[in-house]
Amino acid sequence: MKPFGYLRATSVEEAVRAAEGRPGARFLGGGTNLVDLMKLGVERPGLLIDVTRLPLDHIEELPDGGLRIGAMVSNSALAAAAPVRERYAVLSQAVLSGASGQLRNTATTGGNLLQRTRCLYFQDVSKPCNKREPGTGCPAREGIHRDLAVLGHSPHCVATQPSDMAVALAALDATVHLHGPDGDRSVPVTEFHRLPGDHPEQDTVIRPGELITAVQLPPADRGARSRYRKARDRASFAFALASVAAVLDVRDGVVRRAALAFGGLAHRPWRARAAEEVLRDAPATEDTFARAAEAELAAAEPLRDNGFKVPLARNLAVAVLTELAAPPARG
């Protein structure tokens, strides 16, 4: 038994004060990832700050037509919310593609963003891992890496970010709201997760003591359609080998707006800016979609056993964009 302190916070301010100056403190929401990592010995918090009773479990309609999603909104509630299903279908689909119904009932919006890699070496404390113990090495590069990164990795880490929800949020240009010792700040979700670089132990740009309070979605483009597609080893309760979140607005056969993000390929959700540039004002054809995906994936650097991810991601993107460009079914 590893002893740790426990505090049930009654306000955001109390939670942040309790974490300030305590590197071993962790916020506890649904606990679906944190508690597992504690059991494995990967996480050894000196203090758990329970934030489950904080008033952060609401989805709020904003005056501009956007949505503010509290950090404690469960994944199940998020996926089922009418405004999300009707205006941000890609987000509902992404959330429903992750985990199981039981886990989605417990997992939270904030926790989903902060879940950690499922790299086998990170989860095994008997193995070296730069993410868990900086400076010890990355055995995954020459070891088991079939599920790991092909984009944006470094000599120090080839881990992937496992969240499905975060990929959809990247395509939707969401914003993460934080409260910490220095007050409130907001970070675009595309800048929230880091690439590993020389510091793979830092998954995100979150600062010590900061708590995610909400995720904000901009107003939905009424002319656009969206979709999430995920390829995995089995049909449920499995992490993405590759995934695609797409938002597409086609008018008169021409792409007027496109937002594309890949999951399962990098240390963060990968916003496909090069692909979007190819798509902008181009004919909405399968050939255009293929050229766009190939432009983005040209930067891929697959390892010995994960090169299959590149054509897999390309084909997912082409299929999803083709479906979105087709006229919606009537009746």
C-alpha atoms as a PDB file:
ATOM      1  CA  MET A   1       0.000   0.000   0.000  1.00  0.00           C
ATOM      2  CA  LYS A   2       1.419   3.371  -1.022  1.00  0.00           C
ATOM      3  CA  PRO A   3       0.118   6.102   1.303  1.00  0.00           C
ATOM      4  CA  PHE A   4      -1.169   9.390  -0.106  1.00  0.00           C
ATOM      5  CA  GLY A   5      -3.165  12.355   1.123  1.00  0.00           C
ATOM      6  CA  TYR A   6      -6.745  13.052   0.044  1.00  0.00           C
ATOM      7  CA  LEU A   7      -8.682  16.305  -0.138  1.00  0.00           C
ATOM      8  CA  ARG A   8     -12.189  16.840  -1.480  1.00  0.00           C
ATOM      9  CA  ALA A   9     -12.162  20.375  -2.886  1.00  0.00           C
ATOM     10  CA  THR A  10     -15.268  22.518  -2.479  1.00  0.00           C
ATOM     11  CA  SER A  11     -14.242  25.181  -5.002  1.00  0.00           C
ATOM     12  CA  VAL A  12     -11.902  25.622  -7.953  1.00  0.00           C
ATOM     13  CA  GLU A  13      -9.869  28.074  -5.898  1.00  0.00           C
ATOM     14  CA  GLU A  14      -9.459  25.585  -3.047  1.00  0.00           C
ATOM     15  CA  ALA A  15      -8.353  22.862  -5.454  1.00  0.00           C
ATOM     16  CA  VAL A  16      -5.742  25.108  -7.047  1.00  0.00           C
ATOM     17  CA  ARG A  17      -4.453  26.357  -3.674  1.00  0.00           C
ATOM     18  CA  ALA A  18      -4.051  22.769  -2.485  1.00  0.00           C
ATOM     19  CA  ALA A  19      -2.002  21.864  -5.577  1.00  0.00           C
ATOM     20  CA  GLU A  20       0.175  24.976  -5.568  1.00  0.00           C
ATOM     21  CA  GLY A  21       3.770  24.208  -4.705  1.00  0.00           C
ATOM     22  CA  ARG A  22       3.108  20.453  -4.493  1.00  0.00           C
ATOM     23  CA  PRO A  23       4.546  18.662  -7.553  1.00  0.00           C
ATOM     24  CA  GLY A  24       3.203  15.354  -6.220  1.00  0.00           C
ATOM     25  CA  ALA A  25      -0.418  16.544  -6.166  1.00  0.00           C
ATOM     26  CA  ARG A  26      -2.907  15.244  -8.733  1.00  0.00           C
ATOM     27  CA  PHE A  27      -6.488  16.276  -9.456  1.00  0.00           C
ATOM     28  CA  LEU A  28      -8.913  13.346  -9.313  1.00  0.00           C
ATOM     29  CA  GLY A  29     -11.962  13.401 -11.586  1.00  0.00           C
ATOM     30  CA  GLY A  30     -13.282  10.156 -13.012  1.00  0.00           C
ATOM     31  CA  GLY A  31      -9.934   8.515 -12.293  1.00  0.00           C
ATOM     32  CA  THR A  32     -10.248   6.095 -15.214  1.00  0.00           C
ATOM     33  CA  ASN A  33      -6.627   6.667 -16.262  1.00  0.00           C
ATOM     34  CA  LEU A  34      -5.007   8.083 -13.123  1.00  0.00           C
ATOM     35  CA  VAL A  35      -6.103   5.246 -10.822  1.00  0.00           C
ATOM     36  CA  ASP A  36      -4.897   2.642 -13.323  1.00  0.00           C
ATOM     37  CA  LEU A  37      -1.503   4.328 -13.449  1.00  0.00           C
ATOM     38  CA  MET A  38      -1.377   4.402  -9.653  1.00  0.00           C
ATOM     39  CA  LYS A  39      -1.997   0.658  -9.574  1.00  0.00           C
ATOM     40  CA  LEU A  40       0.860   0.156 -12.032  1.00  0.00           C
ATOM     41  CA  GLY A  41       3.193   2.346  -9.989  1.00  0.00           C
ATOM     42  CA  VAL A  42       3.589   4.849 -12.832  1.00  0.00           C
ATOM     43  CA  GLU A  43       1.814   7.584 -10.873  1.00  0.00           C
ATOM     44  CA  ARG A  44       2.677   7.975  -7.181  1.00  0.00           C
ATOM     45  CA  PRO A  45       0.846  11.098  -6.034  1.00  0.00           C
ATOM     46  CA  GLY A  46       1.482  12.453  -2.586  1.00  0.00           C
ATOM     47  CA  LEU A  47      -1.935  14.134  -2.595  1.00  0.00           C
ATOM     48  CA  LEU A  48      -5.145  13.435  -4.497  1.00  0.00           C
ATOM     49  CA  ILE A  49      -7.404  16.465  -4.833  1.00  0.00           C
ATOM     50  CA  ASP A  50     -10.933  15.281  -5.544  1.00  0.00           C
ATOM     51  CA  VAL A  51     -12.644  17.722  -7.927  1.00  0.00           C
ATOM     52  CA  THR A  52     -15.738  15.630  -8.617  1.00  0.00           C
ATOM     53  CA  ARG A  53     -18.004  17.878  -6.527  1.00  0.00           C
ATOM     54  CA  LEU A  54     -17.018  21.111  -8.265  1.00  0.00           C
ATOM     55  CA  PRO A  55     -19.723  22.875 -10.329  1.00  0.00           C
ATOM     56  CA  LEU A  56     -18.040  22.071 -13.640  1.00  0.00           C
ATOM     57  CA  ASP A  57     -20.499  19.473 -14.936  1.00  0.00           C
ATOM     58  CA  HIS A  58     -22.692  21.603 -17.212  1.00  0.00           C
ATOM     59  CA  ILE A  59     -22.852  22.259 -20.947  1.00  0.00           C
ATOM     60  CA  GLU A  60     -23.674  25.910 -21.556  1.00  0.00           C
ATOM     61  CA  GLU A  61     -25.017  27.513 -24.737  1.00  0.00           C
ATOM     62  CA  LEU A  62     -23.077  30.709 -25.444  1.00  0.00           C
ATOM     63  CA  PRO A  63     -24.537  33.919 -26.914  1.00  0.00           C
ATOM     64  CA  ASP A  64     -22.448  33.580 -30.091  1.00  0.00           C
ATOM     65  CA  GLY A  65     -23.789  30.081 -30.758  1.00  0.00           C
ATOM     66  CA  GLY A  66     -20.824  28.207 -29.355  1.00  0.00           C
ATOM     67  CA  LEU A  67     -20.758  25.777 -26.424  1.00  0.00           C
ATOM     68  CA  ARG A  68     -18.896  25.773 -23.126  1.00  0.00           C
ATOM     69  CA  ILE A  69     -18.354  22.249 -21.808  1.00  0.00           C
ATOM     70  CA  GLY A  70     -17.483  21.949 -18.133  1.00  0.00           C
ATOM     71  CA  ALA A  71     -14.413  19.873 -17.327  1.00  0.00           C
ATOM     72  CA  MET A  72     -16.470  17.471 -15.185  1.00  0.00           C
ATOM     73  CA  VAL A  73     -19.048  16.705 -17.895  1.00  0.00           C
ATOM     74  CA  SER A  74     -18.915  12.943 -18.362  1.00  0.00           C
ATOM     75  CA  ASN A  75     -18.036  11.509 -21.742  1.00  0.00           C
ATOM     76  CA  SER A  76     -21.477   9.868 -21.923  1.00  0.00           C
ATOM     77  CA  ALA A  77     -23.278  13.142 -21.193  1.00  0.00           C
ATOM     78  CA  LEU A  78     -21.148  14.979 -23.734  1.00  0.00           C
ATOM     79  CA  ALA A  79     -21.816  12.486 -26.520  1.00  0.00           C
ATOM     80  CA  ALA A  80     -25.558  12.446 -25.801  1.00  0.00           C
ATOM     81  CA  ALA A  81     -26.099  16.209 -25.490  1.00  0.00           C
ATOM     82  CA  ALA A  82     -28.451  17.445 -28.210  1.00  0.00           C
ATOM     83  CA  PRO A  83     -26.370  20.515 -29.188  1.00  0.00           C
ATOM     84  CA  VAL A  84     -23.299  18.305 -29.605  1.00  0.00           C
ATOM     85  CA  ARG A  85     -25.081  15.628 -31.653  1.00  0.00           C
ATOM     86  CA  GLU A  86     -26.839  18.188 -33.839  1.00  0.00           C
ATOM     87  CA  ARG A  87     -24.081  20.774 -34.410  1.00  0.00           C
ATOM     88  CA  TYR A  88     -20.800  18.978 -33.640  1.00  0.00           C
ATOM     89  CA  ALA A  89     -21.444  15.418 -34.827  1.00  0.00           C
ATOM     90  CA  VAL A  90     -17.711  14.697 -35.136  1.00  0.00           C
ATOM     91  CA  LEU A  91     -17.295  15.219 -31.387  1.00  0.00           C
ATOM     92  CA  SER A  92     -20.166  12.951 -30.398  1.00  0.00           C
ATOM     93  CA  GLN A  93     -18.897  10.241 -32.756  1.00  0.00           C
ATOM     94  CA  ALA A  94     -15.345  10.511 -31.427  1.00  0.00           C
ATOM     95  CA  VAL A  95     -16.408  10.208 -27.794  1.00  0.00           C
ATOM     96  CA  LEU A  96     -18.635   7.204 -28.520  1.00  0.00           C
ATOM     97  CA  SER A  97     -15.768   5.452 -30.313  1.00  0.00           C
ATOM     98  CA  GLY A  98     -13.659   5.452 -27.148  1.00  0.00           C
ATOM     99  CA  ALA A  99     -13.618   3.026 -24.223  1.00  0.00           C
ATOM    100  CA  SER A 100     -16.809   1.291 -23.040  1.00  0.00           C
ATOM    101  CA  GLY A 101     -20.167   2.591 -21.850  1.00  0.00           C
ATOM    102  CA  GLN A 102     -19.188   2.065 -18.225  1.00  0.00           C
ATOM    103  CA  LEU A 103     -15.964   4.029 -18.594  1.00  0.00           C
ATOM    104  CA  ARG A 104     -17.660   6.823 -20.552  1.00  0.00           C
ATOM    105  CA  ASN A 105     -20.144   7.201 -17.696  1.00  0.00           C
ATOM    106  CA  THR A 106     -17.230   7.958 -15.349  1.00  0.00           C
ATOM    107  CA  ALA A 107     -14.591   9.590 -17.540  1.00  0.00           C
ATOM    108  CA  THR A 108     -14.658  13.386 -17.719  1.00  0.00           C
ATOM    109  CA  THR A 109     -13.984  15.955 -20.415  1.00  0.00           C
ATOM    110  CA  GLY A 110     -10.946  17.359 -18.607  1.00  0.00           C
ATOM    111  CA  GLY A 111      -9.568  13.937 -17.781  1.00  0.00           C
ATOM    112  CA  ASN A 112      -9.976  12.736 -21.342  1.00  0.00           C
ATOM    113  CA  LEU A 113      -7.681  15.526 -22.525  1.00  0.00           C
ATOM    114  CA  LEU A 114      -5.086  14.590 -19.904  1.00  0.00           C
ATOM    115  CA  GLN A 115      -5.019  10.826 -20.384  1.00  0.00           C
ATOM    116  CA  ARG A 116      -1.548   9.470 -20.915  1.00  0.00           C
ATOM    117  CA  THR A 117      -0.001   7.267 -23.575  1.00  0.00           C
ATOM    118  CA  ARG A 118      -0.631   3.534 -23.598  1.00  0.00           C
ATOM    119  CA  CYS A 119       2.950   2.820 -24.728  1.00  0.00           C
ATOM    120  CA  LEU A 120       3.889  -0.509 -23.124  1.00  0.00           C
ATOM    121  CA  TYR A 121       7.259   0.795 -21.911  1.00  0.00           C
ATOM    122  CA  PHE A 122       5.676   3.807 -20.209  1.00  0.00           C
ATOM    123  CA  GLN A 123       3.267   1.544 -18.342  1.00  0.00           C
ATOM    124  CA  ASP A 124       5.918  -0.954 -17.212  1.00  0.00           C
ATOM    125  CA  VAL A 125       7.992   0.498 -14.370  1.00  0.00           C
ATOM    126  CA  SER A 126      10.616  -2.219 -14.814  1.00  0.00           C
ATOM    127  CA  LYS A 127      11.533  -0.761 -18.220  1.00  0.00           C
ATOM    128  CA  PRO A 128      13.362   2.481 -19.074  1.00  0.00           C
ATOM    129  CA  CYS A 129      11.177   5.289 -20.439  1.00  0.00           C
ATOM    130  CA  ASN A 130      12.057   8.943 -21.023  1.00  0.00           C
ATOM    131  CA  LYS A 131       8.448   9.974 -20.492  1.00  0.00           C
ATOM    132  CA  ARG A 132       8.278   8.320 -17.078  1.00  0.00           C
ATOM    133  CA  GLU A 133      11.931   8.795 -16.069  1.00  0.00           C
ATOM    134  CA  PRO A 134      13.691  11.404 -18.237  1.00  0.00           C
ATOM    135  CA  GLY A 135      17.116  10.368 -19.398  1.00  0.00           C
ATOM    136  CA  THR A 136      16.582   6.610 -19.189  1.00  0.00           C
ATOM    137  CA  GLY A 137      15.994   6.078 -22.904  1.00  0.00           C
ATOM    138  CA  CYS A 138      13.233   5.070 -25.320  1.00  0.00           C
ATOM    139  CA  PRO A 139      13.348   1.306 -25.907  1.00  0.00           C
ATOM    140  CA  ALA A 140      10.202   1.527 -28.039  1.00  0.00           C
ATOM    141  CA  ARG A 141      12.221   2.904 -30.954  1.00  0.00           C
ATOM    142  CA  GLU A 142      13.896  -0.479 -31.473  1.00  0.00           C
ATOM    143  CA  GLY A 143      11.344  -2.537 -29.565  1.00  0.00           C
ATOM    144  CA  ILE A 144       7.550  -2.788 -29.700  1.00  0.00           C
ATOM    145  CA  HIS A 145       6.282   0.270 -31.551  1.00  0.00           C
ATOM    146  CA  ARG A 146       3.576  -0.974 -33.923  1.00  0.00           C
ATOM    147  CA  ASP A 147       0.957   1.291 -32.290  1.00  0.00           C
ATOM    148  CA  LEU A 148       3.215   4.325 -31.873  1.00  0.00           C
ATOM    149  CA  ALA A 149       4.008   7.576 -33.688  1.00  0.00           C
ATOM    150  CA  VAL A 150       4.875   8.182 -37.328  1.00  0.00           C
ATOM    151  CA  LEU A 151       4.623  11.986 -37.176  1.00  0.00           C
ATOM    152  CA  GLY A 152       6.391  14.502 -34.936  1.00  0.00           C
ATOM    153  CA  HIS A 153       8.318  12.013 -32.811  1.00  0.00           C
ATOM    154  CA  SER A 154      11.837  12.571 -31.520  1.00  0.00           C
ATOM    155  CA  PRO A 155      14.853  10.407 -30.608  1.00  0.00           C
ATOM    156  CA  HIS A 156      13.594  10.631 -27.025  1.00  0.00           C
ATOM    157  CA  CYS A 157       9.999   9.417 -27.484  1.00  0.00           C
ATOM    158  CA  VAL A 158       7.681   7.836 -30.052  1.00  0.00           C
ATOM    159  CA  ALA A 159       4.546   7.705 -27.885  1.00  0.00           C
ATOM    160  CA  THR A 160       1.093   8.630 -29.176  1.00  0.00           C
ATOM    161  CA  GLN A 161      -1.692  10.614 -27.512  1.00  0.00           C
ATOM    162  CA  PRO A 162      -4.624   8.193 -27.111  1.00  0.00           C
ATOM    163  CA  SER A 163      -7.664  10.489 -26.856  1.00  0.00           C
ATOM    164  CA  ASP A 164     -10.354  10.244 -29.551  1.00  0.00           C
ATOM    165  CA  MET A 165     -12.154  13.284 -28.173  1.00  0.00           C
ATOM    166  CA  ALA A 166      -9.060  15.473 -28.474  1.00  0.00           C
ATOM    167  CA  VAL A 167      -8.779  14.710 -32.199  1.00  0.00           C
ATOM    168  CA  ALA A 168     -12.321  15.950 -32.810  1.00  0.00           C
ATOM    169  CA  LEU A 169     -11.700  19.029 -30.656  1.00  0.00           C
ATOM    170  CA  ALA A 170      -8.620  19.818 -32.750  1.00  0.00           C
ATOM    171  CA  ALA A 171     -10.681  19.745 -35.944  1.00  0.00           C
ATOM    172  CA  LEU A 172     -13.302  21.970 -34.278  1.00  0.00           C
ATOM    173  CA  ASP A 173     -10.784  24.640 -33.162  1.00  0.00           C
ATOM    174  CA  ALA A 174     -11.792  24.226 -29.527  1.00  0.00           C
ATOM    175  CA  THR A 175     -10.217  26.173 -26.668  1.00  0.00           C
ATOM    176  CA  VAL A 176      -9.156  24.791 -23.270  1.00  0.00           C
ATOM    177  CA  HIS A 177      -9.863  27.012 -20.248  1.00  0.00           C
ATOM    178  CA  LEU A 178      -7.564  26.702 -17.233  1.00  0.00           C
ATOM    179  CA  HIS A 179      -7.435  28.147 -13.733  1.00  0.00           C
ATOM    180  CA  GLY A 180      -4.181  28.163 -11.794  1.00  0.00           C
ATOM    181  CA  PRO A 181      -2.135  30.067  -9.226  1.00  0.00           C
ATOM    182  CA  ASP A 182      -1.751  32.942 -11.716  1.00  0.00           C
ATOM    183  CA  GLY A 183      -5.462  33.107 -12.537  1.00  0.00           C
ATOM    184  CA  ASP A 184      -7.360  32.156 -15.682  1.00  0.00           C
ATOM    185  CA  ARG A 185      -5.948  31.528 -19.128  1.00  0.00           C
ATOM    186  CA  SER A 186      -7.057  29.870 -22.353  1.00  0.00           C
ATOM    187  CA  VAL A 187      -5.117  27.689 -24.787  1.00  0.00           C
ATOM    188  CA  PRO A 188      -6.206  26.536 -28.268  1.00  0.00           C
ATOM    189  CA  VAL A 189      -6.596  22.772 -28.089  1.00  0.00           C
ATOM    190  CA  THR A 190      -4.229  22.442 -31.063  1.00  0.00           C
ATOM    191  CA  GLU A 191      -1.508  23.950 -28.844  1.00  0.00           C
ATOM    192  CA  PHE A 192      -2.463  22.192 -25.615  1.00  0.00           C
ATOM    193  CA  HIS A 193      -0.655  18.897 -26.262  1.00  0.00           C
ATOM    194  CA  ARG A 194       3.068  18.997 -27.002  1.00  0.00           C
ATOM    195  CA  LEU A 195       5.331  17.132 -29.354  1.00  0.00           C
ATOM    196  CA  PRO A 196       7.958  15.192 -27.365  1.00  0.00           C
ATOM    197  CA  GLY A 197      11.118  17.040 -28.431  1.00  0.00           C
ATOM    198  CA  ASP A 198      13.711  16.888 -25.668  1.00  0.00           C
ATOM    199  CA  HIS A 199      11.086  16.759 -22.896  1.00  0.00           C
ATOM    200  CA  PRO A 200       8.677  13.870 -23.530  1.00  0.00           C
ATOM    201  CA  GLU A 201       7.726  13.871 -19.844  1.00  0.00           C
ATOM    202  CA  GLN A 202       5.658  16.992 -20.579  1.00  0.00           C
ATOM    203  CA  ASP A 203       2.506  15.846 -22.344  1.00  0.00           C
ATOM    204  CA  THR A 204       0.815  19.257 -22.396  1.00  0.00           C
ATOM    205  CA  VAL A 205       1.486  22.953 -21.823  1.00  0.00           C
ATOM    206  CA  ILE A 206      -0.463  22.878 -18.554  1.00  0.00           C
ATOM    207  CA  ARG A 207       1.446  24.646 -15.772  1.00  0.00           C
ATOM    208  CA  PRO A 208       1.976  23.331 -12.228  1.00  0.00           C
ATOM    209  CA  GLY A 209      -1.189  23.680 -10.183  1.00  0.00           C
ATOM    210  CA  GLU A 210      -3.456  24.478 -13.137  1.00  0.00           C
ATOM    211  CA  LEU A 211      -6.871  22.846 -13.396  1.00  0.00           C
ATOM    212  CA  ILE A 212      -8.881  22.457 -16.590  1.00  0.00           C
ATOM    213  CA  THR A 213     -12.229  24.149 -15.966  1.00  0.00           C
ATOM    214  CA  ALA A 214     -13.894  23.967 -19.401  1.00  0.00           C
ATOM    215  CA  VAL A 215     -13.564  23.360 -23.113  1.00  0.00           C
ATOM    216  CA  GLN A 216     -15.165  25.892 -25.453  1.00  0.00           C
ATOM    217  CA  LEU A 217     -16.391  25.226 -28.972  1.00  0.00           C
ATOM    218  CA  PRO A 218     -16.765  28.062 -31.495  1.00  0.00           C
ATOM    219  CA  PRO A 219     -20.072  28.468 -33.307  1.00  0.00           C
ATOM    220  CA  ALA A 220     -20.667  25.600 -35.709  1.00  0.00           C
ATOM    221  CA  ASP A 221     -20.500  26.293 -39.428  1.00  0.00           C
ATOM    222  CA  ARG A 222     -24.084  25.600 -40.470  1.00  0.00           C
ATOM    223  CA  GLY A 223     -23.020  24.742 -44.009  1.00  0.00           C
ATOM    224  CA  ALA A 224     -20.476  22.133 -42.954  1.00  0.00           C
ATOM    225  CA  ARG A 225     -20.760  18.428 -42.210  1.00  0.00           C
ATOM    226  CA  SER A 226     -18.430  16.519 -39.909  1.00  0.00           C
ATOM    227  CA  ARG A 227     -17.405  12.952 -39.181  1.00  0.00           C
ATOM    228  CA  TYR A 228     -14.978  10.866 -37.098  1.00  0.00           C
ATOM    229  CA  ARG A 229     -13.545   7.559 -38.277  1.00  0.00           C
ATOM    230  CA  LYS A 230     -11.232   5.273 -36.336  1.00  0.00           C
ATOM    231  CA  ALA A 231      -9.233   2.196 -37.356  1.00  0.00           C
ATOM    232  CA  ARG A 232      -8.346  -0.205 -34.544  1.00  0.00           C
ATOM    233  CA  ASP A 233      -7.451  -3.824 -33.929  1.00  0.00           C
ATOM    234  CA  ARG A 234     -10.902  -4.767 -32.654  1.00  0.00           C
ATOM    235  CA  ALA A 235     -14.344  -3.235 -32.978  1.00  0.00           C
ATOM    236  CA  SER A 236     -14.652  -1.789 -29.474  1.00  0.00           C
ATOM    237  CA  PHE A 237     -12.671  -0.797 -26.393  1.00  0.00           C
ATOM    238  CA  ALA A 238      -9.457  -0.340 -28.390  1.00  0.00           C
ATOM    239  CA  PHE A 239      -7.247   2.660 -29.050  1.00  0.00           C
ATOM    240  CA  ALA A 240      -6.790   4.057 -32.545  1.00  0.00           C
ATOM    241  CA  LEU A 241      -4.101   2.804 -34.867  1.00  0.00           C
ATOM    242  CA  ALA A 242      -5.142   5.828 -36.900  1.00  0.00           C
ATOM    243  CA  SER A 243      -8.182   8.077 -36.832  1.00  0.00           C
ATOM    244  CA  VAL A 244      -9.533  11.065 -38.734  1.00  0.00           C
ATOM    245  CA  ALA A 245     -11.763  13.944 -37.654  1.00  0.00           C
ATOM    246  CA  ALA A 246     -13.027  16.063 -40.524  1.00  0.00           C
ATOM    247  CA  VAL A 247     -15.220  19.127 -40.992  1.00  0.00           C
ATOM    248  CA  LEU A 248     -16.078  19.895 -44.608  1.00  0.00           C
ATOM    249  CA  ASP A 249     -18.132  22.582 -46.334  1.00  0.00           C
ATOM    250  CA  VAL A 250     -18.704  21.921 -50.041  1.00  0.00           C
ATOM    251  CA  ARG A 251     -20.665  24.272 -52.273  1.00  0.00           C
ATOM    252  CA  ASP A 252     -21.235  23.765 -55.990  1.00  0.00           C
ATOM    253  CA  GLY A 253     -18.665  20.998 -55.992  1.00  0.00           C
ATOM    254  CA  VAL A 254     -15.908  23.145 -54.482  1.00  0.00           C
ATOM    255  CA  VAL A 255     -14.401  22.904 -50.999  1.00  0.00           C
ATOM    256  CA  ARG A 256     -15.143  26.183 -49.235  1.00  0.00           C
ATOM    257  CA  ARG A 257     -13.815  25.154 -45.830  1.00  0.00           C
ATOM    258  CA  ALA A 258     -12.039  22.082 -44.497  1.00  0.00           C
ATOM    259  CA  ALA A 259     -10.629  21.152 -41.107  1.00  0.00           C
ATOM    260  CA  LEU A 260      -8.823  17.842 -40.713  1.00  0.00           C
ATOM    261  CA  ALA A 261      -7.080  16.192 -37.775  1.00  0.00           C
ATOM    262  CA  PHE A 262      -5.422  12.796 -37.377  1.00  0.00           C
ATOM    263  CA  GLY A 263      -5.268  10.695 -34.229  1.00  0.00           C
ATOM    264  CA  GLY A 264      -3.075   7.729 -33.364  1.00  0.00           C
ATOM    265  CA  LEU A 265      -0.146   9.094 -35.381  1.00  0.00           C
ATOM    266  CA  ALA A 266       1.643  11.499 -33.044  1.00  0.00           C
ATOM    267  CA  HIS A 267       2.299  12.698 -29.503  1.00  0.00           C
ATOM    268  CA  ARG A 268      -0.655  15.060 -29.934  1.00  0.00           C
ATOM    269  CA  PRO A 269      -3.735  15.264 -32.139  1.00  0.00           C
ATOM    270  CA  TRP A 270      -2.275  16.158 -35.526  1.00  0.00           C
ATOM    271  CA  ARG A 271      -4.021  19.089 -37.200  1.00  0.00           C
ATOM    272  CA  ALA A 272      -3.486  18.578 -40.917  1.00  0.00           C
ATOM    273  CA  ARG A 273      -2.673  22.125 -42.056  1.00  0.00           C
ATOM    274  CA  ALA A 274      -0.885  21.059 -45.240  1.00  0.00           C
ATOM    275  CA  ALA A 275      -3.876  18.948 -46.272  1.00  0.00           C
ATOM    276  CA  GLU A 276      -6.259  21.818 -45.554  1.00  0.00           C
ATOM    277  CA  GLU A 277      -4.224  24.094 -47.807  1.00  0.00           C
ATOM    278  CA  VAL A 278      -4.575  21.642 -50.682  1.00  0.00           C
ATOM    279  CA  LEU A 279      -8.319  21.304 -50.059  1.00  0.00           C
ATOM    280  CA  ARG A 280      -9.116  25.002 -49.888  1.00  0.00           C
ATOM    281  CA  ASP A 281     -11.095  26.139 -53.002  1.00  0.00           C
ATOM    282  CA  ALA A 282     -10.299  22.859 -54.774  1.00  0.00           C
ATOM    283  CA  PRO A 283     -12.756  20.501 -56.487  1.00  0.00           C
ATOM    284  CA  ALA A 284     -14.385  18.177 -53.950  1.00  0.00           C
ATOM    285  CA  THR A 285     -13.183  14.995 -55.638  1.00  0.00           C
ATOM    286  CA  GLU A 286     -11.526  11.813 -54.462  1.00  0.00           C
ATOM    287  CA  ASP A 287      -8.366  12.840 -56.341  1.00  0.00           C
ATOM    288  CA  THR A 288      -8.211  16.136 -54.431  1.00  0.00           C
ATOM    289  CA  PHE A 289      -8.755  14.349 -51.134  1.00  0.00           C
ATOM    290  CA  ALA A 290      -5.976  11.874 -51.906  1.00  0.00           C
ATOM    291  CA  ARG A 291      -3.541  14.646 -52.831  1.00  0.00           C
ATOM    292  CA  ALA A 292      -4.410  16.496 -49.618  1.00  0.00           C
ATOM    293  CA  ALA A 293      -3.836  13.478 -47.387  1.00  0.00           C
ATOM    294  CA  GLU A 294      -0.582  12.643 -49.164  1.00  0.00           C
ATOM    295  CA  ALA A 295       0.657  16.226 -48.756  1.00  0.00           C
ATOM    296  CA  GLU A 296       0.162  15.960 -45.006  1.00  0.00           C
ATOM    297  CA  LEU A 297       1.572  12.478 -44.591  1.00  0.00           C
ATOM    298  CA  ALA A 298       4.688  13.239 -46.641  1.00  0.00           C
ATOM    299  CA  ALA A 299       6.242  14.327 -43.342  1.00  0.00           C
ATOM    300  CA  ALA A 300       5.751  10.872 -41.785  1.00  0.00           C
ATOM    301  CA  GLU A 301       8.799   9.023 -40.454  1.00  0.00           C
ATOM    302  CA  PRO A 302       7.584   5.517 -39.697  1.00  0.00           C
ATOM    303  CA  LEU A 303       9.652   3.104 -37.670  1.00  0.00           C
ATOM    304  CA  ARG A 304      10.413  -0.518 -38.502  1.00  0.00           C
ATOM    305  CA  ASP A 305       6.953  -1.941 -37.742  1.00  0.00           C
ATOM    306  CA  ASN A 306       4.447   0.897 -38.072  1.00  0.00           C
ATOM    307  CA  GLY A 307       4.777   2.056 -41.670  1.00  0.00           C
ATOM    308  CA  PHE A 308       1.310   0.609 -42.371  1.00  0.00           C
ATOM    309  CA  LYS A 309      -0.133   3.571 -40.475  1.00  0.00           C
ATOM    310  CA  VAL A 310       0.678   5.989 -43.302  1.00  0.00           C
ATOM    311  CA  PRO A 311      -1.492   4.396 -46.025  1.00  0.00           C
ATOM    312  CA  LEU A 312      -4.093   3.551 -43.371  1.00  0.00           C
ATOM    313  CA  ALA A 313      -4.412   7.206 -42.366  1.00  0.00           C
ATOM    314  CA  ARG A 314      -4.421   8.298 -46.006  1.00  0.00           C
ATOM    315  CA  ASN A 315      -7.243   5.903 -46.887  1.00  0.00           C
ATOM    316  CA  LEU A 316      -9.269   6.903 -43.811  1.00  0.00           C
ATOM    317  CA  ALA A 317      -9.001  10.570 -44.729  1.00  0.00           C
ATOM    318  CA  VAL A 318      -9.999   9.987 -48.347  1.00  0.00           C
ATOM    319  CA  ALA A 319     -12.970   7.836 -47.343  1.00  0.00           C
ATOM    320  CA  VAL A 320     -14.267  10.285 -44.752  1.00  0.00           C
ATOM    321  CA  LEU A 321     -13.870  13.354 -46.968  1.00  0.00           C
ATOM    322  CA  THR A 322     -15.537  11.549 -49.872  1.00  0.00           C
ATOM    323  CA  GLU A 323     -18.508  10.646 -47.684  1.00  0.00           C
ATOM    324  CA  LEU A 324     -18.832  14.203 -46.407  1.00  0.00           C
ATOM    325  CA  ALA A 325     -18.685  15.637 -49.935  1.00  0.00           C
ATOM    326  CA  ALA A 326     -21.506  13.410 -51.162  1.00  0.00           C
ATOM    327  CA  PRO A 327     -25.018  14.902 -51.092  1.00  0.00           C
ATOM    328  CA  PRO A 328     -26.803  13.956 -47.847  1.00  0.00           C
ATOM    329  CA  ALA A 329     -29.291  11.128 -48.177  1.00  0.00           C
ATOM    330  CA  ARG A 330     -32.916  12.179 -48.338  1.00  0.00           C
ATOM    331  CA  GLY A 331     -35.901  10.599 -46.700  1.00  0.00           C
END
